């Protein structure tokens, strides 16, 4: 059981890290586009949005699996 918890924690942290990376990329794209006015910023924003979507999908799959295991409802 403890091994499953550690595995879930690592998966959760990975999903959050992917989403935070996407948010940083989107923010960087917005700042770059604002400062330079070049259209490349839109490409960076789009790529960051895709990364955020991937992280969200990954989190949704993990959350569904956690609910199935009732990890939050354990009696200690």
N, C-alpha and C. Protein backbone atom coordinates (compact mmCIF):
# COMPACT_ATOMS: atom_id res chain seq x y z
N UNK A 1 0.81 -1.19 0.00
CA UNK A 1 0.00 0.00 0.00
C UNK A 1 0.85 1.26 0.00
N UNK A 2 1.92 1.26 0.78
CA UNK A 2 2.76 2.43 0.84
C UNK A 2 3.42 2.68 -0.51
N UNK A 3 3.80 1.61 -1.20
CA UNK A 3 4.39 1.77 -2.52
C UNK A 3 3.41 2.42 -3.49
N UNK A 4 2.12 2.08 -3.39
CA UNK A 4 1.11 2.70 -4.25
C UNK A 4 0.98 4.18 -3.94
N UNK A 5 1.03 4.54 -2.64
CA UNK A 5 0.93 5.95 -2.25
C UNK A 5 2.10 6.74 -2.80
N UNK A 6 3.32 6.18 -2.71
CA UNK A 6 4.50 6.87 -3.23
C UNK A 6 4.39 7.01 -4.74
N UNK A 7 3.91 5.99 -5.39
CA UNK A 7 3.74 6.04 -6.84
C UNK A 7 2.72 7.10 -7.22
N UNK A 8 1.62 7.19 -6.47
CA UNK A 8 0.60 8.20 -6.75
C UNK A 8 1.14 9.60 -6.48
N UNK A 9 1.91 9.75 -5.40
CA UNK A 9 2.47 11.07 -5.10
C UNK A 9 3.40 11.52 -6.21
N UNK A 10 4.22 10.64 -6.72
CA UNK A 10 5.13 10.99 -7.81
C UNK A 10 4.34 11.34 -9.07
N UNK A 11 3.29 10.61 -9.34
CA UNK A 11 2.47 10.89 -10.51
C UNK A 11 1.77 12.23 -10.37
N UNK A 12 1.28 12.53 -9.19
CA UNK A 12 0.61 13.81 -8.93
C UNK A 12 1.59 14.96 -9.12
N UNK A 13 2.77 14.82 -8.54
CA UNK A 13 3.79 15.88 -8.67
C UNK A 13 4.19 16.04 -10.14
N UNK A 14 4.27 14.95 -10.87
CA UNK A 14 4.61 15.04 -12.29
C UNK A 14 3.54 15.81 -13.07
N UNK A 15 2.29 15.53 -12.79
CA UNK A 15 1.20 16.23 -13.47
C UNK A 15 1.22 17.72 -13.16
N UNK A 16 1.44 18.05 -11.89
CA UNK A 16 1.49 19.46 -11.51
C UNK A 16 2.70 20.14 -12.14
N UNK A 17 3.83 19.45 -12.19
CA UNK A 17 5.04 20.02 -12.80
C UNK A 17 4.83 20.29 -14.29
N UNK A 18 4.14 19.40 -14.97
CA UNK A 18 3.84 19.61 -16.39
C UNK A 18 2.96 20.83 -16.57
N UNK A 19 1.94 20.97 -15.73
CA UNK A 19 1.05 22.12 -15.82
C UNK A 19 1.78 23.43 -15.52
N UNK A 20 2.61 23.43 -14.49
CA UNK A 20 3.36 24.64 -14.14
C UNK A 20 4.33 25.02 -15.26
N UNK A 21 4.96 24.02 -15.87
CA UNK A 21 5.84 24.29 -17.02
C UNK A 21 5.05 24.94 -18.15
N UNK A 22 3.88 24.43 -18.43
CA UNK A 22 3.04 25.02 -19.47
C UNK A 22 2.63 26.44 -19.15
N UNK A 23 2.32 26.70 -17.88
CA UNK A 23 1.94 28.06 -17.46
C UNK A 23 3.11 29.01 -17.63
N UNK A 24 4.31 28.57 -17.29
CA UNK A 24 5.50 29.40 -17.46
C UNK A 24 5.75 29.70 -18.93
N UNK A 25 5.56 28.69 -19.78
CA UNK A 25 5.76 28.89 -21.22
C UNK A 25 4.73 29.86 -21.78
N UNK A 26 3.48 29.71 -21.38
CA UNK A 26 2.43 30.63 -21.84
C UNK A 26 2.75 32.06 -21.38
N UNK A 27 3.14 32.21 -20.13
CA UNK A 27 3.47 33.54 -19.62
C UNK A 27 4.65 34.13 -20.38
N UNK A 28 5.65 33.33 -20.63
CA UNK A 28 6.80 33.80 -21.41
C UNK A 28 6.41 34.22 -22.81
N UNK A 29 5.52 33.45 -23.44
CA UNK A 29 5.05 33.79 -24.78
C UNK A 29 4.28 35.10 -24.80
N UNK A 30 3.47 35.32 -23.77
CA UNK A 30 2.69 36.56 -23.69
C UNK A 30 3.63 37.76 -23.52
N UNK A 31 4.60 37.62 -22.62
CA UNK A 31 5.56 38.71 -22.40
C UNK A 31 6.38 38.96 -23.67
N UNK A 32 6.85 37.90 -24.30
CA UNK A 32 7.64 38.06 -25.53
C UNK A 32 6.83 38.75 -26.62
N UNK A 33 5.60 38.33 -26.78
CA UNK A 33 4.76 38.94 -27.82
C UNK A 33 4.47 40.40 -27.50
N UNK A 34 4.25 40.69 -26.24
CA UNK A 34 3.96 42.07 -25.83
C UNK A 34 5.17 42.98 -26.06
N UNK A 35 6.35 42.49 -25.69
CA UNK A 35 7.54 43.32 -25.80
C UNK A 35 8.06 43.45 -27.23
N UNK A 36 7.98 42.37 -28.00
CA UNK A 36 8.56 42.41 -29.35
C UNK A 36 7.52 42.68 -30.43
N UNK A 37 6.29 42.28 -30.19
CA UNK A 37 5.24 42.46 -31.20
C UNK A 37 5.32 41.45 -32.34
N UNK A 38 6.19 40.46 -32.22
CA UNK A 38 6.32 39.45 -33.27
C UNK A 38 5.32 38.32 -33.04
N UNK A 39 4.94 37.70 -34.13
CA UNK A 39 3.92 36.65 -34.09
C UNK A 39 4.45 35.34 -33.49
N UNK A 40 5.74 35.23 -33.30
CA UNK A 40 6.30 34.01 -32.72
C UNK A 40 5.75 33.79 -31.31
N UNK A 41 5.42 34.88 -30.63
CA UNK A 41 4.85 34.77 -29.29
C UNK A 41 3.56 33.98 -29.28
N UNK A 42 2.77 34.11 -30.34
CA UNK A 42 1.52 33.35 -30.42
C UNK A 42 1.79 31.86 -30.52
N UNK A 43 2.84 31.50 -31.23
CA UNK A 43 3.21 30.08 -31.34
C UNK A 43 3.63 29.54 -29.98
N UNK A 44 4.39 30.34 -29.24
CA UNK A 44 4.83 29.92 -27.91
C UNK A 44 3.63 29.79 -26.97
N UNK A 45 2.70 30.72 -27.03
CA UNK A 45 1.50 30.66 -26.20
C UNK A 45 0.70 29.41 -26.53
N UNK A 46 0.56 29.11 -27.81
CA UNK A 46 -0.18 27.91 -28.22
C UNK A 46 0.51 26.64 -27.73
N UNK A 47 1.83 26.58 -27.86
CA UNK A 47 2.57 25.40 -27.39
C UNK A 47 2.43 25.25 -25.88
N UNK A 48 2.50 26.34 -25.14
CA UNK A 48 2.32 26.28 -23.69
C UNK A 48 0.93 25.83 -23.31
N UNK A 49 -0.06 26.27 -24.08
CA UNK A 49 -1.44 25.85 -23.80
C UNK A 49 -1.62 24.35 -24.02
N UNK A 50 -0.97 23.82 -25.02
CA UNK A 50 -1.02 22.37 -25.26
C UNK A 50 -0.37 21.62 -24.10
N UNK A 51 0.74 22.15 -23.60
CA UNK A 51 1.42 21.50 -22.47
C UNK A 51 0.53 21.53 -21.22
N UNK A 52 -0.14 22.65 -20.98
CA UNK A 52 -1.07 22.74 -19.85
C UNK A 52 -2.19 21.72 -20.01
N UNK A 53 -2.71 21.58 -21.22
CA UNK A 53 -3.78 20.61 -21.47
C UNK A 53 -3.30 19.18 -21.22
N UNK A 54 -2.07 18.89 -21.61
CA UNK A 54 -1.52 17.55 -21.37
C UNK A 54 -1.40 17.29 -19.87
N UNK A 55 -0.91 18.28 -19.12
CA UNK A 55 -0.81 18.13 -17.67
C UNK A 55 -2.16 17.96 -17.02
N UNK A 56 -3.15 18.69 -17.51
CA UNK A 56 -4.51 18.58 -16.96
C UNK A 56 -5.10 17.21 -17.23
N UNK A 57 -4.87 16.70 -18.42
CA UNK A 57 -5.36 15.37 -18.76
C UNK A 57 -4.69 14.32 -17.88
N UNK A 58 -3.40 14.47 -17.70
CA UNK A 58 -2.66 13.55 -16.85
C UNK A 58 -3.20 13.60 -15.42
N UNK A 59 -3.45 14.80 -14.90
CA UNK A 59 -4.00 14.96 -13.55
C UNK A 59 -5.39 14.33 -13.46
N UNK A 60 -6.21 14.54 -14.48
CA UNK A 60 -7.57 13.99 -14.46
C UNK A 60 -7.54 12.46 -14.38
N UNK A 61 -6.63 11.86 -15.09
CA UNK A 61 -6.52 10.40 -15.04
C UNK A 61 -6.05 9.94 -13.67
N UNK A 62 -5.11 10.67 -13.05
CA UNK A 62 -4.62 10.30 -11.73
C UNK A 62 -5.72 10.49 -10.69
N UNK A 63 -6.45 11.61 -10.77
CA UNK A 63 -7.51 11.88 -9.81
C UNK A 63 -8.59 10.81 -9.87
N UNK A 64 -8.94 10.39 -11.07
CA UNK A 64 -9.96 9.35 -11.21
C UNK A 64 -9.47 8.05 -10.56
N UNK A 65 -8.18 7.77 -10.75
CA UNK A 65 -7.61 6.55 -10.17
C UNK A 65 -7.57 6.66 -8.64
N UNK A 66 -7.25 7.84 -8.11
CA UNK A 66 -7.24 8.03 -6.67
C UNK A 66 -8.63 7.87 -6.07
N UNK A 67 -9.64 8.41 -6.75
CA UNK A 67 -11.01 8.26 -6.25
C UNK A 67 -11.43 6.81 -6.26
N UNK A 68 -10.98 6.07 -7.25
CA UNK A 68 -11.33 4.66 -7.34
C UNK A 68 -10.72 3.88 -6.17
N UNK A 69 -9.52 4.29 -5.74
CA UNK A 69 -8.85 3.62 -4.63
C UNK A 69 -9.32 4.15 -3.27
N UNK A 70 -10.10 5.27 -3.26
CA UNK A 70 -10.53 5.91 -2.01
C UNK A 70 -9.35 6.26 -1.12
N UNK A 71 -8.32 6.84 -1.70
CA UNK A 71 -7.11 7.17 -0.95
C UNK A 71 -7.42 8.20 0.13
N UNK A 72 -8.26 9.16 -0.13
CA UNK A 72 -8.54 10.21 0.84
C UNK A 72 -9.46 9.76 1.97
N UNK A 73 -10.11 8.61 1.85
CA UNK A 73 -11.08 8.16 2.85
C UNK A 73 -10.56 7.07 3.78
N UNK A 74 -9.26 6.92 3.85
CA UNK A 74 -8.71 5.87 4.70
C UNK A 74 -8.76 6.29 6.16
N UNK A 75 -9.03 5.32 7.01
CA UNK A 75 -8.98 5.56 8.46
C UNK A 75 -7.58 5.27 8.95
N UNK A 76 -7.04 6.22 9.72
CA UNK A 76 -5.66 6.01 10.20
C UNK A 76 -5.66 5.66 11.65
